[in-house]
PDB file of N, CA and C in Angstrom:
ATOM      1  N   UNK A   1     -16.410   5.790  -5.634  1.00  0.00           N
ATOM      2  CA  UNK A   1     -16.324   5.970  -4.197  1.00  0.00           C
ATOM      3  C   UNK A   1     -17.237   4.978  -3.499  1.00  0.00           C
ATOM      4  N   UNK A   2     -16.766   4.464  -2.398  1.00  0.00           N
ATOM      5  CA  UNK A   2     -17.561   3.538  -1.598  1.00  0.00           C
ATOM      6  C   UNK A   2     -18.447   4.366  -0.680  1.00  0.00           C
ATOM      7  N   UNK A   3     -19.735   4.150  -0.764  1.00  0.00           N
ATOM      8  CA  UNK A   3     -20.680   4.936   0.020  1.00  0.00           C
ATOM      9  C   UNK A   3     -20.452   4.720   1.517  1.00  0.00           C
ATOM     10  N   UNK A   4     -20.379   5.829   2.257  1.00  0.00           N
ATOM     11  CA  UNK A   4     -20.253   5.744   3.706  1.00  0.00           C
ATOM     12  C   UNK A   4     -18.847   5.460   4.206  1.00  0.00           C
ATOM     13  N   UNK A   5     -17.849   5.375   3.329  1.00  0.00           N
ATOM     14  CA  UNK A   5     -16.479   5.080   3.755  1.00  0.00           C
ATOM     15  C   UNK A   5     -15.585   6.278   3.469  1.00  0.00           C
ATOM     16  N   UNK A   6     -14.748   6.592   4.429  1.00  0.00           N
ATOM     17  CA  UNK A   6     -13.819   7.708   4.290  1.00  0.00           C
ATOM     18  C   UNK A   6     -12.407   7.246   4.583  1.00  0.00           C
ATOM     19  N   UNK A   7     -11.469   7.950   3.998  1.00  0.00           N
ATOM     20  CA  UNK A   7     -10.070   7.740   4.344  1.00  0.00           C
ATOM     21  C   UNK A   7      -9.760   8.713   5.474  1.00  0.00           C
ATOM     22  N   UNK A   8      -9.735   8.207   6.688  1.00  0.00           N
ATOM     23  CA  UNK A   8      -9.492   9.059   7.838  1.00  0.00           C
ATOM     24  C   UNK A   8      -8.228   8.601   8.551  1.00  0.00           C
ATOM     25  N   UNK A   9      -7.452   9.587   8.999  1.00  0.00           N
ATOM     26  CA  UNK A   9      -6.268   9.314   9.796  1.00  0.00           C
ATOM     27  C   UNK A   9      -5.305   8.374   9.058  1.00  0.00           C
ATOM     28  N   UNK A  10      -5.063   8.687   7.779  1.00  0.00           N
ATOM     29  CA  UNK A  10      -4.144   7.878   6.984  1.00  0.00           C
ATOM     30  C   UNK A  10      -3.135   8.803   6.302  1.00  0.00           C
ATOM     31  N   UNK A  11      -1.873   8.423   6.363  1.00  0.00           N
ATOM     32  CA  UNK A  11      -0.793   9.195   5.758  1.00  0.00           C
ATOM     33  C   UNK A  11      -0.292   8.479   4.512  1.00  0.00           C
ATOM     34  N   UNK A  12       0.228   9.253   3.581  1.00  0.00           N
ATOM     35  CA  UNK A  12       0.948   8.683   2.443  1.00  0.00           C
ATOM     36  C   UNK A  12       2.352   9.259   2.508  1.00  0.00           C
ATOM     37  N   UNK A  13       3.346   8.375   2.595  1.00  0.00           N
ATOM     38  CA  UNK A  13       4.737   8.789   2.730  1.00  0.00           C
ATOM     39  C   UNK A  13       5.570   8.127   1.643  1.00  0.00           C
ATOM     40  N   UNK A  14       6.630   8.800   1.241  1.00  0.00           N
ATOM     41  CA  UNK A  14       7.546   8.266   0.234  1.00  0.00           C
ATOM     42  C   UNK A  14       8.897   8.033   0.893  1.00  0.00           C
ATOM     43  N   UNK A  15       9.444   6.835   0.683  1.00  0.00           N
ATOM     44  CA  UNK A  15      10.792   6.501   1.131  1.00  0.00           C
ATOM     45  C   UNK A  15      11.589   6.058  -0.089  1.00  0.00           C
ATOM     46  N   UNK A  16      12.892   6.178  -0.002  1.00  0.00           N
ATOM     47  CA  UNK A  16      13.748   5.779  -1.141  1.00  0.00           C
ATOM     48  C   UNK A  16      13.553   4.303  -1.479  1.00  0.00           C
ATOM     49  N   UNK A  17      13.687   3.451  -0.480  1.00  0.00           N
ATOM     50  CA  UNK A  17      13.563   2.003  -0.657  1.00  0.00           C
ATOM     51  C   UNK A  17      12.982   1.391   0.613  1.00  0.00           C
ATOM     52  N   UNK A  18      12.396   0.203   0.498  1.00  0.00           N
ATOM     53  CA  UNK A  18      11.996  -0.490   1.726  1.00  0.00           C
ATOM     54  C   UNK A  18      13.245  -0.976   2.459  1.00  0.00           C
ATOM     55  N   UNK A  19      13.177  -1.006   3.765  1.00  0.00           N
ATOM     56  CA  UNK A  19      14.314  -1.480   4.549  1.00  0.00           C
ATOM     57  C   UNK A  19      14.445  -3.000   4.417  1.00  0.00           C
ATOM     58  N   UNK A  20      15.636  -3.504   4.658  1.00  0.00           N
ATOM     59  CA  UNK A  20      15.847  -4.961   4.652  1.00  0.00           C
ATOM     60  C   UNK A  20      14.990  -5.620   5.716  1.00  0.00           C
ATOM     61  N   UNK A  21      14.876  -4.959   6.867  1.00  0.00           N
ATOM     62  CA  UNK A  21      14.053  -5.508   7.957  1.00  0.00           C
ATOM     63  C   UNK A  21      12.596  -5.658   7.517  1.00  0.00           C
ATOM     64  N   UNK A  22      12.073  -4.666   6.811  1.00  0.00           N
ATOM     65  CA  UNK A  22      10.693  -4.744   6.327  1.00  0.00           C
ATOM     66  C   UNK A  22      10.542  -5.887   5.328  1.00  0.00           C
ATOM     67  N   UNK A  23      11.469  -6.001   4.403  1.00  0.00           N
ATOM     68  CA  UNK A  23      11.404  -7.074   3.403  1.00  0.00           C
ATOM     69  C   UNK A  23      11.447  -8.444   4.071  1.00  0.00           C
ATOM     70  N   UNK A  24      12.289  -8.588   5.097  1.00  0.00           N
ATOM     71  CA  UNK A  24      12.350  -9.849   5.834  1.00  0.00           C
ATOM     72  C   UNK A  24      11.061 -10.092   6.615  1.00  0.00           C
ATOM     73  N   UNK A  25      10.543  -9.039   7.227  1.00  0.00           N
ATOM     74  CA  UNK A  25       9.319  -9.148   8.027  1.00  0.00           C
ATOM     75  C   UNK A  25       8.135  -9.637   7.198  1.00  0.00           C
ATOM     76  N   UNK A  26       8.014  -9.137   5.979  1.00  0.00           N
ATOM     77  CA  UNK A  26       6.874  -9.543   5.147  1.00  0.00           C
ATOM     78  C   UNK A  26       7.183 -10.777   4.304  1.00  0.00           C
ATOM     79  N   UNK A  27       8.439 -11.229   4.331  1.00  0.00           N
ATOM     80  CA  UNK A  27       8.813 -12.452   3.617  1.00  0.00           C
ATOM     81  C   UNK A  27       8.782 -12.317   2.103  1.00  0.00           C
ATOM     82  N   UNK A  28       9.147 -11.149   1.596  1.00  0.00           N
ATOM     83  CA  UNK A  28       9.151 -10.928   0.149  1.00  0.00           C
ATOM     84  C   UNK A  28      10.294 -11.701  -0.494  1.00  0.00           C
ATOM     85  N   UNK A  29       9.984 -12.551  -1.464  1.00  0.00           N
ATOM     86  CA  UNK A  29      11.059 -13.282  -2.152  1.00  0.00           C
ATOM     87  C   UNK A  29      12.020 -12.313  -2.849  1.00  0.00           C
ATOM     88  N   UNK A  30      13.297 -12.677  -2.957  1.00  0.00           N
ATOM     89  CA  UNK A  30      14.312 -11.780  -3.525  1.00  0.00           C
ATOM     90  C   UNK A  30      14.015 -11.307  -4.949  1.00  0.00           C
ATOM     91  N   UNK A  31      13.306 -12.105  -5.737  1.00  0.00           N
ATOM     92  CA  UNK A  31      13.037 -11.730  -7.128  1.00  0.00           C
ATOM     93  C   UNK A  31      11.836 -10.789  -7.273  1.00  0.00           C
ATOM     94  N   UNK A  32      11.135 -10.484  -6.177  1.00  0.00           N
ATOM     95  CA  UNK A  32       9.971  -9.597  -6.238  1.00  0.00           C
ATOM     96  C   UNK A  32      10.343  -8.193  -5.760  1.00  0.00           C
ATOM     97  N   UNK A  33       9.629  -7.200  -6.276  1.00  0.00           N
ATOM     98  CA  UNK A  33       9.882  -5.811  -5.955  1.00  0.00           C
ATOM     99  C   UNK A  33       8.716  -5.258  -5.158  1.00  0.00           C
ATOM    100  N   UNK A  34       9.020  -4.525  -4.101  1.00  0.00           N
ATOM    101  CA  UNK A  34       7.988  -3.888  -3.284  1.00  0.00           C
ATOM    102  C   UNK A  34       7.894  -2.421  -3.683  1.00  0.00           C
ATOM    103  N   UNK A  35       6.745  -2.038  -4.227  1.00  0.00           N
ATOM    104  CA  UNK A  35       6.521  -0.661  -4.668  1.00  0.00           C
ATOM    105  C   UNK A  35       5.844   0.179  -3.589  1.00  0.00           C
ATOM    106  N   UNK A  36       5.070  -0.486  -2.740  1.00  0.00           N
ATOM    107  CA  UNK A  36       4.367   0.219  -1.686  1.00  0.00           C
ATOM    108  C   UNK A  36       3.859  -0.765  -0.656  1.00  0.00           C
ATOM    109  N   UNK A  37       3.458  -0.236   0.490  1.00  0.00           N
ATOM    110  CA  UNK A  37       2.909  -1.103   1.539  1.00  0.00           C
ATOM    111  C   UNK A  37       1.973  -0.280   2.422  1.00  0.00           C
ATOM    112  N   UNK A  38       0.912  -0.936   2.872  1.00  0.00           N
ATOM    113  CA  UNK A  38      -0.014  -0.340   3.825  1.00  0.00           C
ATOM    114  C   UNK A  38       0.345  -0.860   5.208  1.00  0.00           C
ATOM    115  N   UNK A  39       0.527   0.033   6.159  1.00  0.00           N
ATOM    116  CA  UNK A  39       0.776  -0.370   7.534  1.00  0.00           C
ATOM    117  C   UNK A  39      -0.272   0.278   8.420  1.00  0.00           C
ATOM    118  N   UNK A  40      -1.055  -0.576   9.044  1.00  0.00           N
ATOM    119  CA  UNK A  40      -2.112  -0.082   9.904  1.00  0.00           C
ATOM    120  C   UNK A  40      -3.095  -1.192  10.217  1.00  0.00           C
ATOM    121  N   UNK A  41      -4.254  -0.796  10.686  1.00  0.00           N
ATOM    122  CA  UNK A  41      -5.321  -1.735  11.025  1.00  0.00           C
ATOM    123  C   UNK A  41      -6.457  -1.488  10.054  1.00  0.00           C
ATOM    124  N   UNK A  42      -6.767  -2.472   9.219  1.00  0.00           N
ATOM    125  CA  UNK A  42      -7.827  -2.286   8.229  1.00  0.00           C
ATOM    126  C   UNK A  42      -9.166  -2.046   8.914  1.00  0.00           C
ATOM    127  N   UNK A  43     -10.056  -1.386   8.205  1.00  0.00           N
ATOM    128  CA  UNK A  43     -11.335  -0.983   8.799  1.00  0.00           C
ATOM    129  C   UNK A  43     -12.098  -2.149   9.403  1.00  0.00           C
ATOM    130  N   UNK A  44     -12.086  -3.296   8.760  1.00  0.00           N
ATOM    131  CA  UNK A  44     -12.827  -4.448   9.256  1.00  0.00           C
ATOM    132  C   UNK A  44     -12.277  -5.050  10.530  1.00  0.00           C
ATOM    133  N   UNK A  45     -11.047  -4.712  10.880  1.00  0.00           N
ATOM    134  CA  UNK A  45     -10.412  -5.278  12.077  1.00  0.00           C
ATOM    135  C   UNK A  45     -10.311  -4.276  13.226  1.00  0.00           C
ATOM    136  N   UNK A  46     -10.882  -3.104  13.032  1.00  0.00           N
ATOM    137  CA  UNK A  46     -10.801  -2.075  14.069  1.00  0.00           C
ATOM    138  C   UNK A  46     -11.825  -2.306  15.163  1.00  0.00           C
ATOM    139  N   UNK A  47     -11.481  -1.830  16.325  1.00  0.00           N
ATOM    140  CA  UNK A  47     -12.365  -1.920  17.481  1.00  0.00           C
ATOM    141  C   UNK A  47     -12.804  -0.516  17.873  1.00  0.00           C
ATOM    142  N   UNK A  48     -14.069  -0.358  18.164  1.00  0.00           N
ATOM    143  CA  UNK A  48     -14.588   0.934  18.600  1.00  0.00           C
ATOM    144  C   UNK A  48     -13.993   1.312  19.960  1.00  0.00           C
ATOM    145  N   UNK A  49     -13.748   0.317  20.782  1.00  0.00           N
ATOM    146  CA  UNK A  49     -13.244   0.587  22.127  1.00  0.00           C
ATOM    147  C   UNK A  49     -11.733   0.793  22.177  1.00  0.00           C
ATOM    148  N   UNK A  50     -11.011   0.286  21.178  1.00  0.00           N
ATOM    149  CA  UNK A  50      -9.561   0.466  21.154  1.00  0.00           C
ATOM    150  C   UNK A  50      -9.134   0.972  19.777  1.00  0.00           C
ATOM    151  N   UNK A  51      -9.229   2.265  19.548  1.00  0.00           N
ATOM    152  CA  UNK A  51      -8.816   2.797  18.248  1.00  0.00           C
ATOM    153  C   UNK A  51      -7.300   2.683  18.070  1.00  0.00           C
ATOM    154  N   UNK A  52      -6.813   2.691  16.833  1.00  0.00           N
ATOM    155  CA  UNK A  52      -5.365   2.617  16.598  1.00  0.00           C
ATOM    156  C   UNK A  52      -4.642   3.780  17.277  1.00  0.00           C
ATOM    157  N   UNK A  53      -3.445   3.501  17.783  1.00  0.00           N
ATOM    158  CA  UNK A  53      -2.651   4.532  18.452  1.00  0.00           C
ATOM    159  C   UNK A  53      -1.995   5.492  17.468  1.00  0.00           C
ATOM    160  N   UNK A  54      -1.691   4.990  16.267  1.00  0.00           N
ATOM    161  CA  UNK A  54      -0.988   5.781  15.272  1.00  0.00           C
ATOM    162  C   UNK A  54      -1.801   5.815  13.987  1.00  0.00           C
ATOM    163  N   UNK A  55      -1.570   6.833  13.161  1.00  0.00           N
ATOM    164  CA  UNK A  55      -2.277   6.858  11.874  1.00  0.00           C
ATOM    165  C   UNK A  55      -1.814   5.700  10.989  1.00  0.00           C
ATOM    166  N   UNK A  56      -2.724   5.184  10.201  1.00  0.00           N
ATOM    167  CA  UNK A  56      -2.350   4.211   9.181  1.00  0.00           C
ATOM    168  C   UNK A  56      -1.466   4.938   8.170  1.00  0.00           C
ATOM    169  N   UNK A  57      -0.549   4.208   7.567  1.00  0.00           N
ATOM    170  CA  UNK A  57       0.373   4.822   6.616  1.00  0.00           C
ATOM    171  C   UNK A  57       0.512   3.964   5.376  1.00  0.00           C
ATOM    172  N   UNK A  58       0.480   4.627   4.236  1.00  0.00           N
ATOM    173  CA  UNK A  58       0.830   3.988   2.966  1.00  0.00           C
ATOM    174  C   UNK A  58       2.220   4.509   2.612  1.00  0.00           C
ATOM    175  N   UNK A  59       3.150   3.581   2.471  1.00  0.00           N
ATOM    176  CA  UNK A  59       4.500   3.935   2.049  1.00  0.00           C
ATOM    177  C   UNK A  59       4.651   3.605   0.570  1.00  0.00           C
ATOM    178  N   UNK A  60       5.159   4.573  -0.190  1.00  0.00           N
ATOM    179  CA  UNK A  60       5.546   4.350  -1.577  1.00  0.00           C
ATOM    180  C   UNK A  60       7.066   4.362  -1.613  1.00  0.00           C
ATOM    181  N   UNK A  61       7.646   3.477  -2.434  1.00  0.00           N
ATOM    182  CA  UNK A  61       9.097   3.353  -2.489  1.00  0.00           C
ATOM    183  C   UNK A  61       9.611   3.880  -3.830  1.00  0.00           C
ATOM    184  N   UNK A  62      10.283   5.023  -3.752  1.00  0.00           N
ATOM    185  CA  UNK A  62      10.688   5.795  -4.915  1.00  0.00           C
ATOM    186  C   UNK A  62      11.597   5.035  -5.885  1.00  0.00           C
ATOM    187  N   UNK A  63      12.685   4.488  -5.401  1.00  0.00           N
ATOM    188  CA  UNK A  63      13.665   3.864  -6.304  1.00  0.00           C
ATOM    189  C   UNK A  63      13.077   2.655  -7.045  1.00  0.00           C
ATOM    190  N   UNK A  64      12.378   1.731  -6.369  1.00  0.00           N
ATOM    191  CA  UNK A  64      11.772   0.630  -7.111  1.00  0.00           C
ATOM    192  C   UNK A  64      10.772   1.113  -8.167  1.00  0.00           C
ATOM    193  N   UNK A  65      10.017   2.166  -7.867  1.00  0.00           N
ATOM    194  CA  UNK A  65       9.084   2.720  -8.852  1.00  0.00           C
ATOM    195  C   UNK A  65       9.847   3.286 -10.048  1.00  0.00           C
ATOM    196  N   UNK A  66      10.920   4.028  -9.767  1.00  0.00           N
ATOM    197  CA  UNK A  66      11.727   4.607 -10.851  1.00  0.00           C
ATOM    198  C   UNK A  66      12.371   3.521 -11.711  1.00  0.00           C
ATOM    199  N   UNK A  67      12.841   2.461 -11.070  1.00  0.00           N
ATOM    200  CA  UNK A  67      13.496   1.378 -11.803  1.00  0.00           C
ATOM    201  C   UNK A  67      12.518   0.598 -12.680  1.00  0.00           C
ATOM    202  N   UNK A  68      11.266   0.546 -12.273  1.00  0.00           N
ATOM    203  CA  UNK A  68      10.250  -0.193 -13.018  1.00  0.00           C
ATOM    204  C   UNK A  68       9.743   0.575 -14.233  1.00  0.00           C
ATOM    205  N   UNK A  69       9.748   1.898 -14.157  1.00  0.00           N
ATOM    206  CA  UNK A  69       9.102   2.730 -15.168  1.00  0.00           C
ATOM    207  C   UNK A  69      10.125   3.428 -16.062  1.00  0.00           C
ATOM    208  N   UNK A  70       9.790   3.484 -17.367  1.00  0.00           N
ATOM    209  CA  UNK A  70      10.675   4.132 -18.335  1.00  0.00           C
ATOM    210  C   UNK A  70      10.283   5.576 -18.636  1.00  0.00           C
ATOM    211  N   UNK A  71       9.022   5.916 -18.409  1.00  0.00           N
ATOM    212  CA  UNK A  71       8.549   7.262 -18.733  1.00  0.00           C
ATOM    213  C   UNK A  71       7.768   7.836 -17.552  1.00  0.00           C
ATOM    214  N   UNK A  72       7.586   9.138 -17.587  1.00  0.00           N
ATOM    215  CA  UNK A  72       6.776   9.805 -16.557  1.00  0.00           C
ATOM    216  C   UNK A  72       5.351   9.259 -16.581  1.00  0.00           C
ATOM    217  N   UNK A  73       4.817   9.009 -17.761  1.00  0.00           N
ATOM    218  CA  UNK A  73       3.449   8.491 -17.877  1.00  0.00           C
ATOM    219  C   UNK A  73       3.323   7.114 -17.220  1.00  0.00           C
ATOM    220  N   UNK A  74       4.307   6.254 -17.460  1.00  0.00           N
ATOM    221  CA  UNK A  74       4.307   4.938 -16.810  1.00  0.00           C
ATOM    222  C   UNK A  74       4.382   5.100 -15.295  1.00  0.00           C
ATOM    223  N   UNK A  75       5.212   6.033 -14.845  1.00  0.00           N
ATOM    224  CA  UNK A  75       5.364   6.282 -13.410  1.00  0.00           C
ATOM    225  C   UNK A  75       4.039   6.746 -12.811  1.00  0.00           C
ATOM    226  N   UNK A  76       3.358   7.655 -13.481  1.00  0.00           N
ATOM    227  CA  UNK A  76       2.071   8.143 -12.981  1.00  0.00           C
ATOM    228  C   UNK A  76       1.062   7.003 -12.864  1.00  0.00           C
ATOM    229  N   UNK A  77       0.994   6.163 -13.887  1.00  0.00           N
ATOM    230  CA  UNK A  77       0.058   5.023 -13.857  1.00  0.00           C
ATOM    231  C   UNK A  77       0.420   4.045 -12.748  1.00  0.00           C
ATOM    232  N   UNK A  78       1.716   3.776 -12.578  1.00  0.00           N
ATOM    233  CA  UNK A  78       2.137   2.815 -11.559  1.00  0.00           C
ATOM    234  C   UNK A  78       1.905   3.350 -10.153  1.00  0.00           C
ATOM    235  N   UNK A  79       2.149   4.625  -9.941  1.00  0.00           N
ATOM    236  CA  UNK A  79       1.879   5.225  -8.626  1.00  0.00           C
ATOM    237  C   UNK A  79       0.387   5.154  -8.330  1.00  0.00           C
ATOM    238  N   UNK A  80      -0.441   5.487  -9.315  1.00  0.00           N
ATOM    239  CA  UNK A  80      -1.896   5.403  -9.118  1.00  0.00           C
ATOM    240  C   UNK A  80      -2.313   3.980  -8.765  1.00  0.00           C
ATOM    241  N   UNK A  81      -1.808   3.024  -9.507  1.00  0.00           N
ATOM    242  CA  UNK A  81      -2.150   1.620  -9.255  1.00  0.00           C
ATOM    243  C   UNK A  81      -1.689   1.189  -7.857  1.00  0.00           C
ATOM    244  N   UNK A  82      -0.496   1.607  -7.467  1.00  0.00           N
ATOM    245  CA  UNK A  82       0.053   1.234  -6.160  1.00  0.00           C
ATOM    246  C   UNK A  82      -0.758   1.864  -5.027  1.00  0.00           C
ATOM    247  N   UNK A  83      -1.107   3.130  -5.158  1.00  0.00           N
ATOM    248  CA  UNK A  83      -1.892   3.802  -4.121  1.00  0.00           C
ATOM    249  C   UNK A  83      -3.270   3.156  -3.997  1.00  0.00           C
ATOM    250  N   UNK A  84      -3.920   2.880  -5.124  1.00  0.00           N
ATOM    251  CA  UNK A  84      -5.233   2.216  -5.083  1.00  0.00           C
ATOM    252  C   UNK A  84      -5.105   0.853  -4.400  1.00  0.00           C
ATOM    253  N   UNK A  85      -4.063   0.108  -4.743  1.00  0.00           N
ATOM    254  CA  UNK A  85      -3.815  -1.208  -4.145  1.00  0.00           C
ATOM    255  C   UNK A  85      -3.711  -1.096  -2.624  1.00  0.00           C
ATOM    256  N   UNK A  86      -2.929  -0.136  -2.149  1.00  0.00           N
ATOM    257  CA  UNK A  86      -2.714   0.006  -0.702  1.00  0.00           C
ATOM    258  C   UNK A  86      -3.953   0.556   0.007  1.00  0.00           C
ATOM    259  N   UNK A  87      -4.683   1.450  -0.617  1.00  0.00           N
ATOM    260  CA  UNK A  87      -5.942   1.931  -0.037  1.00  0.00           C
ATOM    261  C   UNK A  87      -6.931   0.767   0.087  1.00  0.00           C
ATOM    262  N   UNK A  88      -6.913  -0.127  -0.880  1.00  0.00           N
ATOM    263  CA  UNK A  88      -7.788  -1.304  -0.810  1.00  0.00           C
ATOM    264  C   UNK A  88      -7.491  -2.122   0.444  1.00  0.00           C
ATOM    265  N   UNK A  89      -6.222  -2.231   0.819  1.00  0.00           N
ATOM    266  CA  UNK A  89      -5.879  -2.943   2.061  1.00  0.00           C
ATOM    267  C   UNK A  89      -6.452  -2.215   3.277  1.00  0.00           C
ATOM    268  N   UNK A  90      -6.477  -0.891   3.248  1.00  0.00           N
ATOM    269  CA  UNK A  90      -7.099  -0.104   4.323  1.00  0.00           C
ATOM    270  C   UNK A  90      -8.565  -0.531   4.497  1.00  0.00           C
ATOM    271  N   UNK A  91      -9.234  -0.799   3.385  1.00  0.00           N
ATOM    272  CA  UNK A  91     -10.630  -1.241   3.428  1.00  0.00           C
ATOM    273  C   UNK A  91     -10.766  -2.745   3.667  1.00  0.00           C
ATOM    274  N   UNK A  92      -9.633  -3.449   3.777  1.00  0.00           N
ATOM    275  CA  UNK A  92      -9.667  -4.873   4.099  1.00  0.00           C
ATOM    276  C   UNK A  92      -9.732  -5.797   2.903  1.00  0.00           C
ATOM    277  N   UNK A  93      -9.446  -5.301   1.718  1.00  0.00           N
ATOM    278  CA  UNK A  93      -9.474  -6.132   0.505  1.00  0.00           C
ATOM    279  C   UNK A  93      -8.182  -6.942   0.421  1.00  0.00           C
ATOM    280  N   UNK A  94      -8.315  -8.240   0.172  1.00  0.00           N
ATOM    281  CA  UNK A  94      -7.168  -9.156   0.178  1.00  0.00           C
ATOM    282  C   UNK A  94      -6.330  -9.046  -1.098  1.00  0.00           C
ATOM    283  N   UNK A  95      -5.106  -9.567  -1.021  1.00  0.00           N
ATOM    284  CA  UNK A  95      -4.227  -9.641  -2.193  1.00  0.00           C
ATOM    285  C   UNK A  95      -4.878 -10.435  -3.318  1.00  0.00           C
ATOM    286  N   UNK A  96      -5.539 -11.527  -2.970  1.00  0.00           N
ATOM    287  CA  UNK A  96      -6.177 -12.377  -3.980  1.00  0.00           C
ATOM    288  C   UNK A  96      -7.260 -11.619  -4.726  1.00  0.00           C
ATOM    289  N   UNK A  97      -8.098 -10.888  -3.989  1.00  0.00           N
ATOM    290  CA  UNK A  97      -9.170 -10.113  -4.616  1.00  0.00           C
ATOM    291  C   UNK A  97      -8.599  -8.991  -5.469  1.00  0.00           C
ATOM    292  N   UNK A  98      -7.536  -8.353  -4.985  1.00  0.00           N
ATOM    293  CA  UNK A  98      -6.887  -7.298  -5.766  1.00  0.00           C
ATOM    294  C   UNK A  98      -6.327  -7.847  -7.072  1.00  0.00           C
ATOM    295  N   UNK A  99      -5.750  -9.038  -7.031  1.00  0.00           N
ATOM    296  CA  UNK A  99      -5.241  -9.669  -8.245  1.00  0.00           C
ATOM    297  C   UNK A  99      -6.398  -9.917  -9.228  1.00  0.00           C
ATOM    298  N   UNK A 100      -7.531 -10.380  -8.708  1.00  0.00           N
ATOM    299  CA  UNK A 100      -8.718 -10.584  -9.557  1.00  0.00           C
ATOM    300  C   UNK A 100      -9.168  -9.286 -10.226  1.00  0.00           C
ATOM    301  N   UNK A 101      -8.985  -8.165  -9.528  1.00  0.00           N
ATOM    302  CA  UNK A 101      -9.415  -6.860 -10.040  1.00  0.00           C
ATOM    303  C   UNK A 101      -8.352  -6.188 -10.908  1.00  0.00           C
ATOM    304  N   UNK A 102      -7.194  -6.833 -11.067  1.00  0.00           N
ATOM    305  CA  UNK A 102      -6.126  -6.260 -11.891  1.00  0.00           C
ATOM    306  C   UNK A 102      -5.168  -5.362 -11.143  1.00  0.00           C
ATOM    307  N   UNK A 103      -5.199  -5.424  -9.818  1.00  0.00           N
ATOM    308  CA  UNK A 103      -4.301  -4.613  -8.999  1.00  0.00           C
ATOM    309  C   UNK A 103      -3.286  -5.468  -8.272  1.00  0.00           C
ATOM    310  N   UNK A 104      -3.002  -6.660  -8.765  1.00  0.00           N
ATOM    311  CA  UNK A 104      -2.074  -7.567  -8.105  1.00  0.00           C
ATOM    312  C   UNK A 104      -0.653  -7.246  -8.357  1.00  0.00           C
TER     313      UNK A 104
END
C-alpha cells in the first residue's frame, strides 16, 4: 500500500467489449487487445479548486479477458494484473513504468 494514498471515488465496471469508438479514440492497433482501461483524472493532475465532475472508472472487458485465458486461474491472474495496471494509472504511473514493473 502507498502511504497516504486512497482509492476514492473510483468505480470498477465490466463491459462485454470495448466500443469501436473507444478503440479509435485511444488509437489501439488492430492486432492489440484491450483488457481494461482507466478513465478519469489521475491524482497528479487533479486540481483542488476544480474536482472531477464524475467518478473515475476502471473498465474491464469480459470477452477479451475470456479469449485470452484458458483456465479460471489464468483469468484470476489476468484480472488482478489488469486491475493493478489501471489503478496505477489512477496514481499517475505511465505505461512505460508499468512495463518496467511487469504490468505492461
